Amino acid sequence: MNISANKEEKTYVITIDGEIDASSSIELDTAISEAIKKGERKILVDCAKLNYISSAGLGVFMSYLEDFEEQGIKIALFHMNDKVKSVFEILGLVDLIDIVPTKEEAEKIVE
């Protein structure tokens, strides 16, 4: 699993490549935490190469929901495959986190 992050013109993009399980969820937590510490308010998560997420990975996103709301941070996940998206749907996270098909749609959400 590899997570990379880079600042683009108007957004901060976190790219996930591989599987997020209990051990690798720490890397996801670190990437989101660093974005917040840097003062980023528009975060996009590219899930095109994310092929599995465990409950620990989902827990990382859930643990930041209150921070996002309190600090005015907008986040959107995009390019998520149906298998991974179904896990978010089963737990009702699609009602709490924006998940869209394309980067362009994600950018509009965080504007």
PDB file of N, CA and C in Angstrom:
ATOM      1  N   MET A   1       0.838  -1.171   0.000  1.00  0.00           N
ATOM      2  CA  MET A   1       0.000   0.000   0.000  1.00  0.00           C
ATOM      3  C   MET A   1       0.883   1.234   0.000  1.00  0.00           C
ATOM      4  N   ASN A   2       0.455   2.228  -0.757  1.00  0.00           N
ATOM      5  CA  ASN A   2       1.201   3.477  -0.829  1.00  0.00           C
ATOM      6  C   ASN A   2       0.211   4.636  -0.799  1.00  0.00           C
ATOM      7  N   ILE A   3       0.521   5.629  -0.003  1.00  0.00           N
ATOM      8  CA  ILE A   3      -0.292   6.838   0.048  1.00  0.00           C
ATOM      9  C   ILE A   3       0.610   8.018  -0.267  1.00  0.00           C
ATOM     10  N   SER A   4       0.162   8.825  -1.221  1.00  0.00           N
ATOM     11  CA  SER A   4       0.911  10.035  -1.541  1.00  0.00           C
ATOM     12  C   SER A   4      -0.033  11.228  -1.431  1.00  0.00           C
ATOM     13  N   ALA A   5       0.541  12.380  -1.206  1.00  0.00           N
ATOM     14  CA  ALA A   5      -0.257  13.596  -1.066  1.00  0.00           C
ATOM     15  C   ALA A   5       0.466  14.741  -1.756  1.00  0.00           C
ATOM     16  N   ASN A   6      -0.308  15.562  -2.442  1.00  0.00           N
ATOM     17  CA  ASN A   6       0.303  16.733  -3.059  1.00  0.00           C
ATOM     18  C   ASN A   6      -0.693  17.873  -3.161  1.00  0.00           C
ATOM     19  N   LYS A   7      -0.173  19.061  -3.034  1.00  0.00           N
ATOM     20  CA  LYS A   7      -0.967  20.278  -3.118  1.00  0.00           C
ATOM     21  C   LYS A   7      -1.129  20.622  -4.589  1.00  0.00           C
ATOM     22  N   GLU A   8      -2.365  20.778  -4.999  1.00  0.00           N
ATOM     23  CA  GLU A   8      -2.646  21.241  -6.346  1.00  0.00           C
ATOM     24  C   GLU A   8      -3.091  22.682  -6.249  1.00  0.00           C
ATOM     25  N   GLU A   9      -3.526  23.246  -7.344  1.00  0.00           N
ATOM     26  CA  GLU A   9      -3.866  24.666  -7.366  1.00  0.00           C
ATOM     27  C   GLU A   9      -4.838  25.072  -6.258  1.00  0.00           C
ATOM     28  N   LYS A  10      -5.981  24.382  -6.179  1.00  0.00           N
ATOM     29  CA  LYS A  10      -6.987  24.765  -5.195  1.00  0.00           C
ATOM     30  C   LYS A  10      -7.277  23.682  -4.166  1.00  0.00           C
ATOM     31  N   THR A  11      -6.710  22.506  -4.351  1.00  0.00           N
ATOM     32  CA  THR A  11      -7.035  21.388  -3.475  1.00  0.00           C
ATOM     33  C   THR A  11      -5.783  20.649  -3.020  1.00  0.00           C
ATOM     34  N   TYR A  12      -5.989  19.817  -2.015  1.00  0.00           N
ATOM     35  CA  TYR A  12      -4.942  18.937  -1.502  1.00  0.00           C
ATOM     36  C   TYR A  12      -5.407  17.523  -1.825  1.00  0.00           C
ATOM     37  N   VAL A  13      -4.620  16.787  -2.599  1.00  0.00           N
ATOM     38  CA  VAL A  13      -5.044  15.478  -3.075  1.00  0.00           C
ATOM     39  C   VAL A  13      -4.236  14.372  -2.401  1.00  0.00           C
ATOM     40  N   ILE A  14      -4.969  13.451  -1.772  1.00  0.00           N
ATOM     41  CA  ILE A  14      -4.374  12.255  -1.179  1.00  0.00           C
ATOM     42  C   ILE A  14      -4.714  11.097  -2.102  1.00  0.00           C
ATOM     43  N   THR A  15      -3.693  10.385  -2.564  1.00  0.00           N
ATOM     44  CA  THR A  15      -3.890   9.263  -3.471  1.00  0.00           C
ATOM     45  C   THR A  15      -3.559   7.968  -2.752  1.00  0.00           C
ATOM     46  N   ILE A  16      -4.494   7.025  -2.817  1.00  0.00           N
ATOM     47  CA  ILE A  16      -4.322   5.730  -2.161  1.00  0.00           C
ATOM     48  C   ILE A  16      -4.102   4.666  -3.230  1.00  0.00           C
ATOM     49  N   ASP A  17      -3.045   3.875  -3.054  1.00  0.00           N
ATOM     50  CA  ASP A  17      -2.730   2.802  -3.995  1.00  0.00           C
ATOM     51  C   ASP A  17      -2.577   1.501  -3.206  1.00  0.00           C
ATOM     52  N   GLY A  18      -3.539   0.597  -3.373  1.00  0.00           N
ATOM     53  CA  GLY A  18      -3.457  -0.687  -2.674  1.00  0.00           C
ATOM     54  C   GLY A  18      -4.605  -0.909  -1.722  1.00  0.00           C
ATOM     55  N   GLU A  19      -4.312  -1.575  -0.621  1.00  0.00           N
ATOM     56  CA  GLU A  19      -5.325  -1.949   0.365  1.00  0.00           C
ATOM     57  C   GLU A  19      -5.092  -1.210   1.679  1.00  0.00           C
ATOM     58  N   ILE A  20      -6.196  -0.780   2.287  1.00  0.00           N
ATOM     59  CA  ILE A  20      -6.095  -0.172   3.613  1.00  0.00           C
ATOM     60  C   ILE A  20      -6.638  -1.172   4.622  1.00  0.00           C
ATOM     61  N   ASP A  21      -5.726  -1.673   5.448  1.00  0.00           N
ATOM     62  CA  ASP A  21      -6.104  -2.604   6.503  1.00  0.00           C
ATOM     63  C   ASP A  21      -5.671  -2.001   7.840  1.00  0.00           C
ATOM     64  N   ALA A  22      -5.683  -2.791   8.881  1.00  0.00           N
ATOM     65  CA  ALA A  22      -5.361  -2.276  10.213  1.00  0.00           C
ATOM     66  C   ALA A  22      -3.978  -1.630  10.275  1.00  0.00           C
ATOM     67  N   SER A  23      -2.984  -2.252   9.641  1.00  0.00           N
ATOM     68  CA  SER A  23      -1.633  -1.694   9.729  1.00  0.00           C
ATOM     69  C   SER A  23      -1.445  -0.482   8.816  1.00  0.00           C
ATOM     70  N   SER A  24      -1.998  -0.526   7.625  1.00  0.00           N
ATOM     71  CA  SER A  24      -1.794   0.588   6.694  1.00  0.00           C
ATOM     72  C   SER A  24      -2.742   1.757   6.963  1.00  0.00           C
ATOM     73  N   SER A  25      -3.767   1.545   7.785  1.00  0.00           N
ATOM     74  CA  SER A  25      -4.674   2.650   8.093  1.00  0.00           C
ATOM     75  C   SER A  25      -3.945   3.761   8.835  1.00  0.00           C
ATOM     76  N   ILE A  26      -2.837   3.425   9.478  1.00  0.00           N
ATOM     77  CA  ILE A  26      -2.023   4.430  10.172  1.00  0.00           C
ATOM     78  C   ILE A  26      -1.469   5.436   9.173  1.00  0.00           C
ATOM     79  N   GLU A  27      -1.078   4.967   8.000  1.00  0.00           N
ATOM     80  CA  GLU A  27      -0.567   5.867   6.959  1.00  0.00           C
ATOM     81  C   GLU A  27      -1.658   6.811   6.473  1.00  0.00           C
ATOM     82  N   LEU A  28      -2.875   6.297   6.317  1.00  0.00           N
ATOM     83  CA  LEU A  28      -3.998   7.143   5.910  1.00  0.00           C
ATOM     84  C   LEU A  28      -4.266   8.190   6.978  1.00  0.00           C
ATOM     85  N   ASP A  29      -4.263   7.782   8.226  1.00  0.00           N
ATOM     86  CA  ASP A  29      -4.474   8.707   9.331  1.00  0.00           C
ATOM     87  C   ASP A  29      -3.416   9.807   9.323  1.00  0.00           C
ATOM     88  N   THR A  30      -2.177   9.425   9.091  1.00  0.00           N
ATOM     89  CA  THR A  30      -1.082  10.399   9.050  1.00  0.00           C
ATOM     90  C   THR A  30      -1.278  11.389   7.903  1.00  0.00           C
ATOM     91  N   ALA A  31      -1.667  10.899   6.734  1.00  0.00           N
ATOM     92  CA  ALA A  31      -1.855  11.773   5.566  1.00  0.00           C
ATOM     93  C   ALA A  31      -2.962  12.797   5.818  1.00  0.00           C
ATOM     94  N   ILE A  32      -4.064  12.356   6.402  1.00  0.00           N
ATOM     95  CA  ILE A  32      -5.161  13.287   6.687  1.00  0.00           C
ATOM     96  C   ILE A  32      -4.757  14.266   7.788  1.00  0.00           C
ATOM     97  N   SER A  33      -4.113  13.767   8.819  1.00  0.00           N
ATOM     98  CA  SER A  33      -3.660  14.614   9.920  1.00  0.00           C
ATOM     99  C   SER A  33      -2.709  15.700   9.430  1.00  0.00           C
ATOM    100  N   GLU A  34      -1.770  15.330   8.551  1.00  0.00           N
ATOM    101  CA  GLU A  34      -0.821  16.307   8.017  1.00  0.00           C
ATOM    102  C   GLU A  34      -1.533  17.373   7.186  1.00  0.00           C
ATOM    103  N   ALA A  35      -2.527  16.973   6.415  1.00  0.00           N
ATOM    104  CA  ALA A  35      -3.285  17.945   5.622  1.00  0.00           C
ATOM    105  C   ALA A  35      -3.958  18.965   6.534  1.00  0.00           C
ATOM    106  N   ILE A  36      -4.545  18.478   7.613  1.00  0.00           N
ATOM    107  CA  ILE A  36      -5.212  19.376   8.560  1.00  0.00           C
ATOM    108  C   ILE A  36      -4.204  20.302   9.227  1.00  0.00           C
ATOM    109  N   LYS A  37      -3.053  19.754   9.636  1.00  0.00           N
ATOM    110  CA  LYS A  37      -2.016  20.571  10.274  1.00  0.00           C
ATOM    111  C   LYS A  37      -1.492  21.655   9.336  1.00  0.00           C
ATOM    112  N   LYS A  38      -1.480  21.364   8.052  1.00  0.00           N
ATOM    113  CA  LYS A  38      -1.014  22.343   7.060  1.00  0.00           C
ATOM    114  C   LYS A  38      -2.070  23.398   6.758  1.00  0.00           C
ATOM    115  N   GLY A  39      -3.242  23.226   7.346  1.00  0.00           N
ATOM    116  CA  GLY A  39      -4.308  24.200   7.139  1.00  0.00           C
ATOM    117  C   GLY A  39      -5.118  23.983   5.872  1.00  0.00           C
ATOM    118  N   GLU A  40      -5.025  22.803   5.305  1.00  0.00           N
ATOM    119  CA  GLU A  40      -5.783  22.519   4.088  1.00  0.00           C
ATOM    120  C   GLU A  40      -7.269  22.461   4.413  1.00  0.00           C
ATOM    121  N   ARG A  41      -8.091  23.067   3.570  1.00  0.00           N
ATOM    122  CA  ARG A  41      -9.534  23.093   3.796  1.00  0.00           C
ATOM    123  C   ARG A  41     -10.311  22.408   2.679  1.00  0.00           C
ATOM    124  N   LYS A  42      -9.616  22.008   1.618  1.00  0.00           N
ATOM    125  CA  LYS A  42     -10.247  21.330   0.481  1.00  0.00           C
ATOM    126  C   LYS A  42      -9.433  20.085   0.163  1.00  0.00           C
ATOM    127  N   ILE A  43      -9.911  18.939   0.650  1.00  0.00           N
ATOM    128  CA  ILE A  43      -9.162  17.694   0.530  1.00  0.00           C
ATOM    129  C   ILE A  43      -9.905  16.731  -0.395  1.00  0.00           C
ATOM    130  N   LEU A  44      -9.187  16.212  -1.368  1.00  0.00           N
ATOM    131  CA  LEU A  44      -9.718  15.200  -2.265  1.00  0.00           C
ATOM    132  C   LEU A  44      -8.950  13.904  -2.020  1.00  0.00           C
ATOM    133  N   VAL A  45      -9.653  12.779  -2.068  1.00  0.00           N
ATOM    134  CA  VAL A  45      -9.012  11.482  -1.893  1.00  0.00           C
ATOM    135  C   VAL A  45      -9.258  10.665  -3.159  1.00  0.00           C
ATOM    136  N   ASP A  46      -8.167  10.381  -3.874  1.00  0.00           N
ATOM    137  CA  ASP A  46      -8.233   9.603  -5.112  1.00  0.00           C
ATOM    138  C   ASP A  46      -8.203   8.121  -4.756  1.00  0.00           C
ATOM    139  N   CYS A  47      -9.310   7.447  -5.024  1.00  0.00           N
ATOM    140  CA  CYS A  47      -9.459   6.036  -4.658  1.00  0.00           C
ATOM    141  C   CYS A  47      -9.386   5.107  -5.866  1.00  0.00           C
ATOM    142  N   ALA A  48      -8.867   5.600  -6.993  1.00  0.00           N
ATOM    143  CA  ALA A  48      -8.834   4.802  -8.222  1.00  0.00           C
ATOM    144  C   ALA A  48      -8.089   3.482  -8.035  1.00  0.00           C
ATOM    145  N   LYS A  49      -7.044   3.483  -7.216  1.00  0.00           N
ATOM    146  CA  LYS A  49      -6.242   2.275  -7.025  1.00  0.00           C
ATOM    147  C   LYS A  49      -6.456   1.637  -5.654  1.00  0.00           C
ATOM    148  N   LEU A  50      -7.505   2.086  -4.968  1.00  0.00           N
ATOM    149  CA  LEU A  50      -7.876   1.481  -3.681  1.00  0.00           C
ATOM    150  C   LEU A  50      -8.738   0.261  -3.983  1.00  0.00           C
ATOM    151  N   ASN A  51      -8.243  -0.932  -3.642  1.00  0.00           N
ATOM    152  CA  ASN A  51      -9.015  -2.127  -3.969  1.00  0.00           C
ATOM    153  C   ASN A  51      -9.581  -2.853  -2.746  1.00  0.00           C
ATOM    154  N   TYR A  52      -9.313  -2.336  -1.551  1.00  0.00           N
ATOM    155  CA  TYR A  52      -9.861  -2.928  -0.332  1.00  0.00           C
ATOM    156  C   TYR A  52      -9.710  -1.928   0.810  1.00  0.00           C
ATOM    157  N   ILE A  53     -10.730  -1.874   1.672  1.00  0.00           N
ATOM    158  CA  ILE A  53     -10.627  -1.062   2.873  1.00  0.00           C
ATOM    159  C   ILE A  53     -11.256  -1.826   4.030  1.00  0.00           C
ATOM    160  N   SER A  54     -10.541  -1.921   5.115  1.00  0.00           N
ATOM    161  CA  SER A  54     -11.034  -2.633   6.302  1.00  0.00           C
ATOM    162  C   SER A  54     -11.803  -1.666   7.193  1.00  0.00           C
ATOM    163  N   SER A  55     -12.363  -2.200   8.261  1.00  0.00           N
ATOM    164  CA  SER A  55     -13.072  -1.354   9.213  1.00  0.00           C
ATOM    165  C   SER A  55     -12.123  -0.335   9.843  1.00  0.00           C
ATOM    166  N   ALA A  56     -10.856  -0.692   9.977  1.00  0.00           N
ATOM    167  CA  ALA A  56      -9.871   0.260  10.524  1.00  0.00           C
ATOM    168  C   ALA A  56      -9.707   1.455   9.588  1.00  0.00           C
ATOM    169  N   GLY A  57      -9.679   1.198   8.303  1.00  0.00           N
ATOM    170  CA  GLY A  57      -9.575   2.288   7.326  1.00  0.00           C
ATOM    171  C   GLY A  57     -10.800   3.179   7.345  1.00  0.00           C
ATOM    172  N   LEU A  58     -11.977   2.549   7.416  1.00  0.00           N
ATOM    173  CA  LEU A  58     -13.215   3.322   7.512  1.00  0.00           C
ATOM    174  C   LEU A  58     -13.224   4.147   8.791  1.00  0.00           C
ATOM    175  N   GLY A  59     -12.687   3.565   9.848  1.00  0.00           N
ATOM    176  CA  GLY A  59     -12.619   4.258  11.124  1.00  0.00           C
ATOM    177  C   GLY A  59     -11.787   5.529  11.065  1.00  0.00           C
ATOM    178  N   VAL A  60     -10.763   5.519  10.216  1.00  0.00           N
ATOM    179  CA  VAL A  60      -9.940   6.726  10.062  1.00  0.00           C
ATOM    180  C   VAL A  60     -10.809   7.865   9.532  1.00  0.00           C
ATOM    181  N   PHE A  61     -11.566   7.603   8.470  1.00  0.00           N
ATOM    182  CA  PHE A  61     -12.439   8.644   7.926  1.00  0.00           C
ATOM    183  C   PHE A  61     -13.466   9.092   8.963  1.00  0.00           C
ATOM    184  N   MET A  62     -14.058   8.134   9.656  1.00  0.00           N
ATOM    185  CA  MET A  62     -15.064   8.462  10.657  1.00  0.00           C
ATOM    186  C   MET A  62     -14.485   9.302  11.795  1.00  0.00           C
ATOM    187  N   SER A  63     -13.250   9.031  12.166  1.00  0.00           N
ATOM    188  CA  SER A  63     -12.642   9.749  13.285  1.00  0.00           C
ATOM    189  C   SER A  63     -12.408  11.229  12.984  1.00  0.00           C
ATOM    190  N   TYR A  64     -12.381  11.587  11.702  1.00  0.00           N
ATOM    191  CA  TYR A  64     -12.129  12.981  11.333  1.00  0.00           C
ATOM    192  C   TYR A  64     -13.396  13.762  10.994  1.00  0.00           C
ATOM    193  N   LEU A  65     -14.550  13.115  10.944  1.00  0.00           N
ATOM    194  CA  LEU A  65     -15.764  13.808  10.524  1.00  0.00           C
ATOM    195  C   LEU A  65     -16.059  15.040  11.371  1.00  0.00           C
ATOM    196  N   GLU A  66     -15.921  14.918  12.677  1.00  0.00           N
ATOM    197  CA  GLU A  66     -16.183  16.060  13.555  1.00  0.00           C
ATOM    198  C   GLU A  66     -15.163  17.168  13.326  1.00  0.00           C
ATOM    199  N   ASP A  67     -13.891  16.808  13.158  1.00  0.00           N
ATOM    200  CA  ASP A  67     -12.845  17.803  12.882  1.00  0.00           C
ATOM    201  C   ASP A  67     -13.148  18.547  11.594  1.00  0.00           C
ATOM    202  N   PHE A  68     -13.559  17.801  10.568  1.00  0.00           N
ATOM    203  CA  PHE A  68     -13.867  18.432   9.282  1.00  0.00           C
ATOM    204  C   PHE A  68     -14.971  19.472   9.453  1.00  0.00           C
ATOM    205  N   GLU A  69     -16.000  19.102  10.164  1.00  0.00           N
ATOM    206  CA  GLU A  69     -17.129  20.010  10.350  1.00  0.00           C
ATOM    207  C   GLU A  69     -16.724  21.221  11.187  1.00  0.00           C
ATOM    208  N   GLU A  70     -16.050  20.987  12.289  1.00  0.00           N
ATOM    209  CA  GLU A  70     -15.658  22.080  13.181  1.00  0.00           C
ATOM    210  C   GLU A  70     -14.691  23.058  12.525  1.00  0.00           C
ATOM    211  N   GLN A  71     -13.805  22.550  11.661  1.00  0.00           N
ATOM    212  CA  GLN A  71     -12.780  23.399  11.053  1.00  0.00           C
ATOM    213  C   GLN A  71     -13.131  23.857   9.638  1.00  0.00           C
ATOM    214  N   GLY A  72     -14.321  23.545   9.185  1.00  0.00           N
ATOM    215  CA  GLY A  72     -14.742  23.977   7.855  1.00  0.00           C
ATOM    216  C   GLY A  72     -13.981  23.298   6.732  1.00  0.00           C
ATOM    217  N   ILE A  73     -13.570  22.069   6.961  1.00  0.00           N
ATOM    218  CA  ILE A  73     -12.819  21.316   5.951  1.00  0.00           C
ATOM    219  C   ILE A  73     -13.808  20.532   5.102  1.00  0.00           C
ATOM    220  N   LYS A  74     -13.632  20.646   3.802  1.00  0.00           N
ATOM    221  CA  LYS A  74     -14.471  19.883   2.884  1.00  0.00           C
ATOM    222  C   LYS A  74     -13.631  18.758   2.302  1.00  0.00           C
ATOM    223  N   ILE A  75     -14.223  17.563   2.262  1.00  0.00           N
ATOM    224  CA  ILE A  75     -13.512  16.396   1.738  1.00  0.00           C
ATOM    225  C   ILE A  75     -14.428  15.647   0.786  1.00  0.00           C
ATOM    226  N   ALA A  76     -13.838  15.129  -0.272  1.00  0.00           N
ATOM    227  CA  ALA A  76     -14.586  14.307  -1.221  1.00  0.00           C
ATOM    228  C   ALA A  76     -13.683  13.185  -1.710  1.00  0.00           C
ATOM    229  N   LEU A  77     -14.265  12.002  -1.833  1.00  0.00           N
ATOM    230  CA  LEU A  77     -13.545  10.837  -2.350  1.00  0.00           C
ATOM    231  C   LEU A  77     -14.019  10.603  -3.780  1.00  0.00           C
ATOM    232  N   PHE A  78     -13.109  10.203  -4.654  1.00  0.00           N
ATOM    233  CA  PHE A  78     -13.502   9.992  -6.043  1.00  0.00           C
ATOM    234  C   PHE A  78     -12.777   8.799  -6.653  1.00  0.00           C
ATOM    235  N   HIS A  79     -13.305   8.365  -7.819  1.00  0.00           N
ATOM    236  CA  HIS A  79     -12.776   7.205  -8.553  1.00  0.00           C
ATOM    237  C   HIS A  79     -12.804   5.926  -7.722  1.00  0.00           C
ATOM    238  N   MET A  80     -13.805   5.764  -6.873  1.00  0.00           N
ATOM    239  CA  MET A  80     -13.887   4.583  -6.022  1.00  0.00           C
ATOM    240  C   MET A  80     -14.590   3.446  -6.773  1.00  0.00           C
ATOM    241  N   ASN A  81     -14.010   2.259  -6.706  1.00  0.00           N
ATOM    242  CA  ASN A  81     -14.656   1.127  -7.382  1.00  0.00           C
ATOM    243  C   ASN A  81     -15.897   0.685  -6.595  1.00  0.00           C
ATOM    244  N   ASP A  82     -16.775  -0.051  -7.279  1.00  0.00           N
ATOM    245  CA  ASP A  82     -18.058  -0.439  -6.685  1.00  0.00           C
ATOM    246  C   ASP A  82     -17.896  -1.319  -5.447  1.00  0.00           C
ATOM    247  N   LYS A  83     -16.899  -2.178  -5.463  1.00  0.00           N
ATOM    248  CA  LYS A  83     -16.675  -3.084  -4.331  1.00  0.00           C
ATOM    249  C   LYS A  83     -16.346  -2.305  -3.058  1.00  0.00           C
ATOM    250  N   VAL A  84     -15.470  -1.345  -3.175  1.00  0.00           N
ATOM    251  CA  VAL A  84     -15.094  -0.526  -2.017  1.00  0.00           C
ATOM    252  C   VAL A  84     -16.247   0.395  -1.619  1.00  0.00           C
ATOM    253  N   LYS A  85     -16.903   0.969  -2.618  1.00  0.00           N
ATOM    254  CA  LYS A  85     -18.020   1.882  -2.323  1.00  0.00           C
ATOM    255  C   LYS A  85     -19.134   1.159  -1.574  1.00  0.00           C
ATOM    256  N   SER A  86     -19.348  -0.101  -1.885  1.00  0.00           N
ATOM    257  CA  SER A  86     -20.413  -0.846  -1.207  1.00  0.00           C
ATOM    258  C   SER A  86     -20.142  -0.960   0.294  1.00  0.00           C
ATOM    259  N   VAL A  87     -18.881  -1.008   0.684  1.00  0.00           N
ATOM    260  CA  VAL A  87     -18.538  -1.057   2.112  1.00  0.00           C
ATOM    261  C   VAL A  87     -18.945   0.264   2.784  1.00  0.00           C
ATOM    262  N   PHE A  88     -18.678   1.376   2.118  1.00  0.00           N
ATOM    263  CA  PHE A  88     -19.096   2.684   2.641  1.00  0.00           C
ATOM    264  C   PHE A  88     -20.616   2.753   2.724  1.00  0.00           C
ATOM    265  N   GLU A  89     -21.299   2.203   1.702  1.00  0.00           N
ATOM    266  CA  GLU A  89     -22.765   2.226   1.673  1.00  0.00           C
ATOM    267  C   GLU A  89     -23.364   1.394   2.799  1.00  0.00           C
ATOM    268  N   ILE A  90     -22.824   0.206   3.014  1.00  0.00           N
ATOM    269  CA  ILE A  90     -23.343  -0.684   4.050  1.00  0.00           C
ATOM    270  C   ILE A  90     -23.310  -0.013   5.423  1.00  0.00           C
ATOM    271  N   LEU A  91     -22.264   0.738   5.680  1.00  0.00           N
ATOM    272  CA  LEU A  91     -22.125   1.395   6.981  1.00  0.00           C
ATOM    273  C   LEU A  91     -22.761   2.791   7.027  1.00  0.00           C
ATOM    274  N   GLY A  92     -23.363   3.204   5.926  1.00  0.00           N
ATOM    275  CA  GLY A  92     -24.026   4.499   5.888  1.00  0.00           C
ATOM    276  C   GLY A  92     -23.090   5.682   5.765  1.00  0.00           C
ATOM    277  N   LEU A  93     -21.842   5.434   5.445  1.00  0.00           N
ATOM    278  CA  LEU A  93     -20.873   6.536   5.345  1.00  0.00           C
ATOM    279  C   LEU A  93     -21.082   7.392   4.095  1.00  0.00           C
ATOM    280  N   VAL A  94     -21.812   6.883   3.120  1.00  0.00           N
ATOM    281  CA  VAL A  94     -22.080   7.688   1.924  1.00  0.00           C
ATOM    282  C   VAL A  94     -22.975   8.885   2.266  1.00  0.00           C
ATOM    283  N   ASP A  95     -23.651   8.814   3.405  1.00  0.00           N
ATOM    284  CA  ASP A  95     -24.463   9.942   3.849  1.00  0.00           C
ATOM    285  C   ASP A  95     -23.628  10.988   4.589  1.00  0.00           C
ATOM    286  N   LEU A  96     -22.413  10.617   4.984  1.00  0.00           N
ATOM    287  CA  LEU A  96     -21.560  11.511   5.768  1.00  0.00           C
ATOM    288  C   LEU A  96     -20.350  12.021   4.999  1.00  0.00           C
ATOM    289  N   ILE A  97     -19.942  11.282   3.976  1.00  0.00           N
ATOM    290  CA  ILE A  97     -18.772  11.636   3.179  1.00  0.00           C
ATOM    291  C   ILE A  97     -19.175  11.629   1.706  1.00  0.00           C
ATOM    292  N   ASP A  98     -18.815  12.675   0.994  1.00  0.00           N
ATOM    293  CA  ASP A  98     -19.139  12.737  -0.428  1.00  0.00           C
ATOM    294  C   ASP A  98     -18.244  11.787  -1.210  1.00  0.00           C
ATOM    295  N   ILE A  99     -18.872  10.907  -1.979  1.00  0.00           N
ATOM    296  CA  ILE A  99     -18.157   9.973  -2.848  1.00  0.00           C
ATOM    297  C   ILE A  99     -18.723  10.152  -4.247  1.00  0.00           C
ATOM    298  N   VAL A 100     -17.871  10.558  -5.172  1.00  0.00           N
ATOM    299  CA  VAL A 100     -18.318  10.849  -6.532  1.00  0.00           C
ATOM    300  C   VAL A 100     -17.434  10.132  -7.545  1.00  0.00           C
ATOM    301  N   PRO A 101     -17.931   9.968  -8.774  1.00  0.00           N
ATOM    302  CA  PRO A 101     -17.175   9.229  -9.788  1.00  0.00           C
ATOM    303  C   PRO A 101     -15.892   9.915 -10.278  1.00  0.00           C
ATOM    304  N   THR A 102     -15.905  11.247 -10.397  1.00  0.00           N
ATOM    305  CA  THR A 102     -14.769  11.913 -11.046  1.00  0.00           C
ATOM    306  C   THR A 102     -14.124  12.980 -10.166  1.00  0.00           C
ATOM    307  N   LYS A 103     -12.896  13.297 -10.516  1.00  0.00           N
ATOM    308  CA  LYS A 103     -12.166  14.350  -9.811  1.00  0.00           C
ATOM    309  C   LYS A 103     -12.851  15.698 -10.002  1.00  0.00           C
ATOM    310  N   GLU A 104     -13.373  15.929 -11.197  1.00  0.00           N
ATOM    311  CA  GLU A 104     -14.046  17.191 -11.486  1.00  0.00           C
ATOM    312  C   GLU A 104     -15.243  17.397 -10.562  1.00  0.00           C
ATOM    313  N   GLU A 105     -16.018  16.332 -10.342  1.00  0.00           N
ATOM    314  CA  GLU A 105     -17.161  16.419  -9.435  1.00  0.00           C
ATOM    315  C   GLU A 105     -16.693  16.647  -8.005  1.00  0.00           C
ATOM    316  N   ALA A 106     -15.609  15.996  -7.629  1.00  0.00           N
ATOM    317  CA  ALA A 106     -15.053  16.176  -6.279  1.00  0.00           C
ATOM    318  C   ALA A 106     -14.608  17.627  -6.067  1.00  0.00           C
ATOM    319  N   GLU A 107     -13.978  18.197  -7.089  1.00  0.00           N
ATOM    320  CA  GLU A 107     -13.520  19.584  -6.987  1.00  0.00           C
ATOM    321  C   GLU A 107     -14.690  20.528  -6.794  1.00  0.00           C
ATOM    322  N   LYS A 108     -15.812  20.278  -7.456  1.00  0.00           N
ATOM    323  CA  LYS A 108     -16.993  21.134  -7.308  1.00  0.00           C
ATOM    324  C   LYS A 108     -17.556  21.044  -5.896  1.00  0.00           C
ATOM    325  N   ILE A 109     -17.507  19.865  -5.305  1.00  0.00           N
ATOM    326  CA  ILE A 109     -18.032  19.667  -3.947  1.00  0.00           C
ATOM    327  C   ILE A 109     -17.247  20.480  -2.924  1.00  0.00           C
ATOM    328  N   VAL A 110     -15.940  20.539  -3.082  1.00  0.00           N
ATOM    329  CA  VAL A 110     -15.119  21.222  -2.073  1.00  0.00           C
ATOM    330  C   VAL A 110     -14.918  22.708  -2.340  1.00  0.00           C
ATOM    331  N   GLU A 111     -15.481  23.225  -3.407  1.00  0.00           N
ATOM    332  CA  GLU A 111     -15.318  24.656  -3.730  1.00  0.00           C
ATOM    333  C   GLU A 111     -15.861  25.541  -2.641  1.00  0.00           C
TER     334      GLU A 111
END
